[in-house]
N, C-alpha and C. Protein backbone atom coordinates (compact mmCIF):
# COMPACT_ATOMS: atom_id res chain seq x y z
N MET A 1 18.61 64.94 -29.74
CA MET A 1 18.52 66.39 -29.85
C MET A 1 19.28 67.04 -28.70
N SER A 2 20.08 68.03 -29.00
CA SER A 2 20.73 68.80 -27.95
C SER A 2 19.70 69.77 -27.36
N TYR A 3 20.03 70.37 -26.23
CA TYR A 3 19.09 71.28 -25.57
C TYR A 3 18.59 72.35 -26.52
N ALA A 4 19.46 72.98 -27.28
CA ALA A 4 19.10 74.14 -28.11
C ALA A 4 18.52 73.78 -29.47
N THR A 5 18.27 72.50 -29.71
CA THR A 5 17.78 72.08 -31.03
C THR A 5 16.33 72.48 -31.25
N VAL A 6 16.11 73.14 -32.36
CA VAL A 6 14.78 73.43 -32.88
C VAL A 6 14.69 72.76 -34.24
N ALA A 7 13.57 72.13 -34.52
CA ALA A 7 13.34 71.55 -35.84
C ALA A 7 12.29 72.38 -36.55
N SER A 8 12.52 72.63 -37.83
CA SER A 8 11.55 73.37 -38.64
C SER A 8 11.69 72.93 -40.10
N PRO A 9 10.57 72.65 -40.76
CA PRO A 9 10.66 72.31 -42.17
C PRO A 9 10.83 73.53 -43.07
N TYR A 10 10.58 74.72 -42.54
CA TYR A 10 10.52 75.93 -43.36
C TYR A 10 11.70 76.89 -43.17
N TRP A 11 12.41 76.79 -42.07
CA TRP A 11 13.53 77.69 -41.80
C TRP A 11 14.83 77.00 -42.15
N PRO A 12 15.81 77.75 -42.68
CA PRO A 12 17.11 77.15 -43.02
C PRO A 12 17.83 76.65 -41.77
N LEU A 13 18.58 75.57 -41.95
CA LEU A 13 19.42 75.09 -40.86
C LEU A 13 20.34 76.22 -40.41
N GLY A 14 20.54 76.32 -39.11
CA GLY A 14 21.37 77.38 -38.54
C GLY A 14 20.59 78.61 -38.11
N THR A 15 19.29 78.67 -38.41
CA THR A 15 18.47 79.82 -38.00
C THR A 15 18.37 79.87 -36.48
N ARG A 16 18.65 81.02 -35.90
CA ARG A 16 18.49 81.24 -34.45
C ARG A 16 17.12 81.86 -34.21
N VAL A 17 16.38 81.31 -33.26
CA VAL A 17 15.02 81.78 -33.01
C VAL A 17 14.75 81.84 -31.51
N GLN A 18 14.05 82.89 -31.11
CA GLN A 18 13.60 83.02 -29.72
C GLN A 18 12.16 82.57 -29.67
N ILE A 19 11.85 81.67 -28.74
CA ILE A 19 10.49 81.15 -28.57
C ILE A 19 10.01 81.58 -27.21
N SER A 20 8.79 82.17 -27.17
CA SER A 20 8.25 82.70 -25.91
C SER A 20 6.90 82.09 -25.61
N TYR A 21 6.66 81.89 -24.30
CA TYR A 21 5.40 81.33 -23.84
C TYR A 21 5.15 81.80 -22.41
N ARG A 22 4.06 82.53 -22.21
CA ARG A 22 3.65 82.98 -20.87
C ARG A 22 4.78 83.62 -20.06
N GLY A 23 5.49 84.56 -20.69
CA GLY A 23 6.53 85.30 -20.00
C GLY A 23 7.89 84.64 -19.95
N ARG A 24 8.00 83.43 -20.43
CA ARG A 24 9.29 82.74 -20.48
C ARG A 24 9.78 82.70 -21.92
N SER A 25 11.10 82.71 -22.09
CA SER A 25 11.68 82.63 -23.43
C SER A 25 12.89 81.72 -23.43
N VAL A 26 13.10 81.07 -24.56
CA VAL A 26 14.30 80.28 -24.79
C VAL A 26 14.79 80.62 -26.19
N VAL A 27 16.07 80.39 -26.43
CA VAL A 27 16.64 80.60 -27.75
C VAL A 27 17.20 79.28 -28.24
N GLY A 28 16.86 78.94 -29.46
CA GLY A 28 17.34 77.70 -30.05
C GLY A 28 17.83 77.92 -31.46
N VAL A 29 18.38 76.86 -32.02
CA VAL A 29 18.95 76.90 -33.37
C VAL A 29 18.34 75.75 -34.17
N VAL A 30 17.91 76.05 -35.39
CA VAL A 30 17.36 75.00 -36.25
C VAL A 30 18.51 74.08 -36.66
N GLN A 31 18.40 72.83 -36.17
CA GLN A 31 19.42 71.83 -36.45
C GLN A 31 18.82 70.57 -37.05
N ASP A 32 17.51 70.63 -37.33
CA ASP A 32 16.81 69.44 -37.79
C ASP A 32 15.59 69.88 -38.59
N PHE A 33 15.10 68.99 -39.45
CA PHE A 33 13.88 69.23 -40.20
C PHE A 33 12.73 68.51 -39.50
N GLY A 34 11.63 69.15 -39.35
CA GLY A 34 10.46 68.60 -38.68
C GLY A 34 9.61 69.76 -38.27
N PRO A 35 8.49 69.58 -37.72
CA PRO A 35 7.78 68.33 -37.51
C PRO A 35 7.37 67.69 -38.84
N ALA A 36 6.97 66.44 -38.74
CA ALA A 36 6.52 65.69 -39.91
C ALA A 36 5.23 66.30 -40.46
N ASP A 37 4.96 66.05 -41.73
CA ASP A 37 3.76 66.60 -42.38
C ASP A 37 2.49 66.31 -41.59
N TRP A 38 2.34 65.08 -41.08
CA TRP A 38 1.12 64.72 -40.34
C TRP A 38 1.01 65.53 -39.05
N ALA A 39 2.14 65.84 -38.41
CA ALA A 39 2.13 66.61 -37.17
C ALA A 39 1.79 68.08 -37.44
N ILE A 40 2.29 68.60 -38.55
CA ILE A 40 1.98 69.98 -38.92
C ILE A 40 0.49 70.15 -39.11
N ALA A 41 -0.11 69.23 -39.84
CA ALA A 41 -1.51 69.36 -40.26
C ALA A 41 -2.52 69.01 -39.18
N GLN A 42 -2.14 68.34 -38.12
CA GLN A 42 -3.13 67.88 -37.14
C GLN A 42 -3.60 68.96 -36.17
N HIS A 43 -2.99 70.12 -36.20
CA HIS A 43 -3.35 71.19 -35.28
C HIS A 43 -4.11 72.30 -36.00
N GLU A 44 -5.00 72.97 -35.27
CA GLU A 44 -5.76 74.09 -35.87
C GLU A 44 -4.80 75.17 -36.37
N ILE A 45 -3.84 75.53 -35.55
CA ILE A 45 -2.73 76.39 -36.00
C ILE A 45 -1.61 75.41 -36.32
N PRO A 46 -1.11 75.38 -37.56
CA PRO A 46 -0.12 74.37 -37.94
C PRO A 46 1.10 74.37 -37.03
N ALA A 47 1.58 73.17 -36.71
CA ALA A 47 2.80 73.01 -35.91
C ALA A 47 3.99 73.26 -36.81
N ILE A 48 4.67 74.38 -36.63
CA ILE A 48 5.75 74.75 -37.55
C ILE A 48 7.13 74.58 -36.95
N ILE A 49 7.22 74.30 -35.64
CA ILE A 49 8.51 74.06 -35.00
C ILE A 49 8.37 72.93 -34.00
N ASP A 50 9.48 72.33 -33.70
CA ASP A 50 9.56 71.28 -32.69
C ASP A 50 10.77 71.59 -31.83
N LEU A 51 10.60 71.58 -30.53
CA LEU A 51 11.68 71.90 -29.60
C LEU A 51 12.21 70.64 -28.94
N SER A 52 13.46 70.68 -28.49
CA SER A 52 13.97 69.57 -27.69
C SER A 52 13.09 69.43 -26.44
N GLU A 53 13.01 68.22 -25.89
CA GLU A 53 12.19 68.00 -24.70
C GLU A 53 12.65 68.86 -23.54
N ALA A 54 13.96 69.00 -23.36
CA ALA A 54 14.49 69.81 -22.25
C ALA A 54 14.12 71.28 -22.42
N MET A 55 14.22 71.79 -23.64
CA MET A 55 13.85 73.19 -23.89
C MET A 55 12.36 73.39 -23.65
N MET A 56 11.55 72.44 -24.11
CA MET A 56 10.11 72.52 -23.90
C MET A 56 9.77 72.52 -22.41
N ALA A 57 10.48 71.70 -21.63
CA ALA A 57 10.24 71.65 -20.18
C ALA A 57 10.58 72.98 -19.52
N ASP A 58 11.68 73.61 -19.93
CA ASP A 58 12.03 74.92 -19.37
C ASP A 58 11.01 75.98 -19.75
N LEU A 59 10.48 75.89 -20.94
CA LEU A 59 9.53 76.89 -21.42
C LEU A 59 8.15 76.72 -20.82
N THR A 60 7.69 75.47 -20.69
CA THR A 60 6.29 75.23 -20.32
C THR A 60 6.08 74.46 -19.02
N GLY A 61 7.13 73.83 -18.52
CA GLY A 61 6.98 72.98 -17.34
C GLY A 61 6.65 71.54 -17.69
N SER A 62 6.49 71.24 -18.97
CA SER A 62 6.19 69.87 -19.41
C SER A 62 7.09 69.54 -20.60
N ARG A 63 7.55 68.31 -20.66
CA ARG A 63 8.46 67.92 -21.74
C ARG A 63 7.74 67.64 -23.05
N GLU A 64 6.46 67.36 -22.98
CA GLU A 64 5.75 66.97 -24.20
C GLU A 64 4.35 67.57 -24.24
N HIS A 65 4.04 68.31 -25.24
CA HIS A 65 2.71 68.69 -25.66
C HIS A 65 2.79 69.78 -26.71
N ALA A 66 1.69 70.03 -27.36
CA ALA A 66 1.65 71.05 -28.39
C ALA A 66 0.99 72.30 -27.81
N ILE A 67 1.63 73.43 -28.00
CA ILE A 67 1.11 74.70 -27.49
C ILE A 67 1.31 75.79 -28.52
N GLU A 68 0.58 76.86 -28.37
CA GLU A 68 0.77 78.03 -29.22
C GLU A 68 1.82 78.92 -28.56
N VAL A 69 2.87 79.22 -29.29
CA VAL A 69 3.96 80.06 -28.79
C VAL A 69 4.14 81.26 -29.72
N ARG A 70 4.89 82.20 -29.26
CA ARG A 70 5.32 83.32 -30.10
C ARG A 70 6.79 83.05 -30.44
N PHE A 71 7.19 83.50 -31.61
CA PHE A 71 8.58 83.31 -31.98
C PHE A 71 9.09 84.54 -32.71
N GLN A 72 10.40 84.72 -32.63
CA GLN A 72 11.07 85.79 -33.35
C GLN A 72 12.37 85.21 -33.91
N VAL A 73 12.52 85.28 -35.22
CA VAL A 73 13.77 84.85 -35.84
C VAL A 73 14.82 85.90 -35.54
N LEU A 74 15.89 85.49 -34.90
CA LEU A 74 16.96 86.39 -34.51
C LEU A 74 18.02 86.49 -35.61
N GLU A 75 18.25 85.38 -36.29
CA GLU A 75 19.25 85.36 -37.36
C GLU A 75 18.92 84.20 -38.29
N TRP A 76 18.81 84.48 -39.57
CA TRP A 76 18.52 83.43 -40.55
C TRP A 76 19.76 82.59 -40.79
N GLY A 77 19.56 81.29 -40.82
CA GLY A 77 20.65 80.37 -41.12
C GLY A 77 20.97 80.35 -42.61
N ARG A 78 22.04 79.68 -42.93
CA ARG A 78 22.48 79.60 -44.32
C ARG A 78 22.44 78.17 -44.84
N GLY A 79 21.84 77.28 -44.05
CA GLY A 79 21.81 75.88 -44.43
C GLY A 79 20.61 75.55 -45.32
N ASP A 80 20.43 74.26 -45.52
CA ASP A 80 19.33 73.76 -46.35
C ASP A 80 17.98 74.05 -45.72
N VAL A 81 16.96 74.10 -46.57
CA VAL A 81 15.56 74.20 -46.16
C VAL A 81 14.87 72.96 -46.68
N TYR A 82 14.05 72.34 -45.84
CA TYR A 82 13.38 71.10 -46.25
C TYR A 82 12.19 71.36 -47.15
N ARG A 83 11.38 72.38 -46.83
CA ARG A 83 10.17 72.68 -47.60
C ARG A 83 10.07 74.17 -47.89
N ALA A 84 9.59 74.50 -49.07
CA ALA A 84 9.38 75.90 -49.46
C ALA A 84 7.90 76.23 -49.58
N SER A 85 7.04 75.33 -49.10
CA SER A 85 5.60 75.57 -49.10
C SER A 85 4.95 74.51 -48.21
N GLY A 86 3.66 74.70 -47.94
CA GLY A 86 2.90 73.72 -47.17
C GLY A 86 2.14 74.37 -46.03
N PRO A 87 1.41 73.57 -45.26
CA PRO A 87 0.64 74.12 -44.14
C PRO A 87 1.56 74.80 -43.14
N GLY A 88 1.27 76.01 -42.80
CA GLY A 88 2.07 76.75 -41.83
C GLY A 88 3.22 77.53 -42.45
N TYR A 89 3.46 77.39 -43.74
CA TYR A 89 4.58 78.10 -44.36
C TYR A 89 4.44 79.61 -44.20
N ASP A 90 3.25 80.14 -44.47
CA ASP A 90 3.04 81.59 -44.34
C ASP A 90 3.25 82.06 -42.90
N LEU A 91 2.81 81.28 -41.95
CA LEU A 91 3.01 81.62 -40.54
C LEU A 91 4.50 81.61 -40.19
N ALA A 92 5.22 80.61 -40.63
CA ALA A 92 6.65 80.49 -40.32
C ALA A 92 7.48 81.57 -40.96
N THR A 93 7.07 82.05 -42.12
CA THR A 93 7.87 83.02 -42.84
C THR A 93 7.35 84.45 -42.71
N GLY A 94 6.30 84.63 -41.90
CA GLY A 94 5.77 85.97 -41.68
C GLY A 94 4.90 86.50 -42.80
N ARG A 95 4.45 85.63 -43.67
CA ARG A 95 3.62 86.05 -44.80
C ARG A 95 2.14 85.86 -44.53
N GLY A 96 1.80 85.35 -43.35
CA GLY A 96 0.39 85.08 -43.09
C GLY A 96 -0.15 85.70 -41.86
């Protein structure tokens, strides 16, 4: 994964998104599909995005863990979408 890589099963490839956590923000681009179905479902709030380890470290101070973040889609991509429904779909698309 490159630094700016964001994975999402619900957003089209190429989508630019700003992710914020405790006053810090990073901008990434959906370049991969994920998290896996089991990872999405294991959290009380479904895991709808996955960040590169380096981006996660800049945002949170730790390279690995699951946290609740805020996000804003800056520009929708025009690439493929892996899933059009599932746990967290409404949250990812602003319908929930």
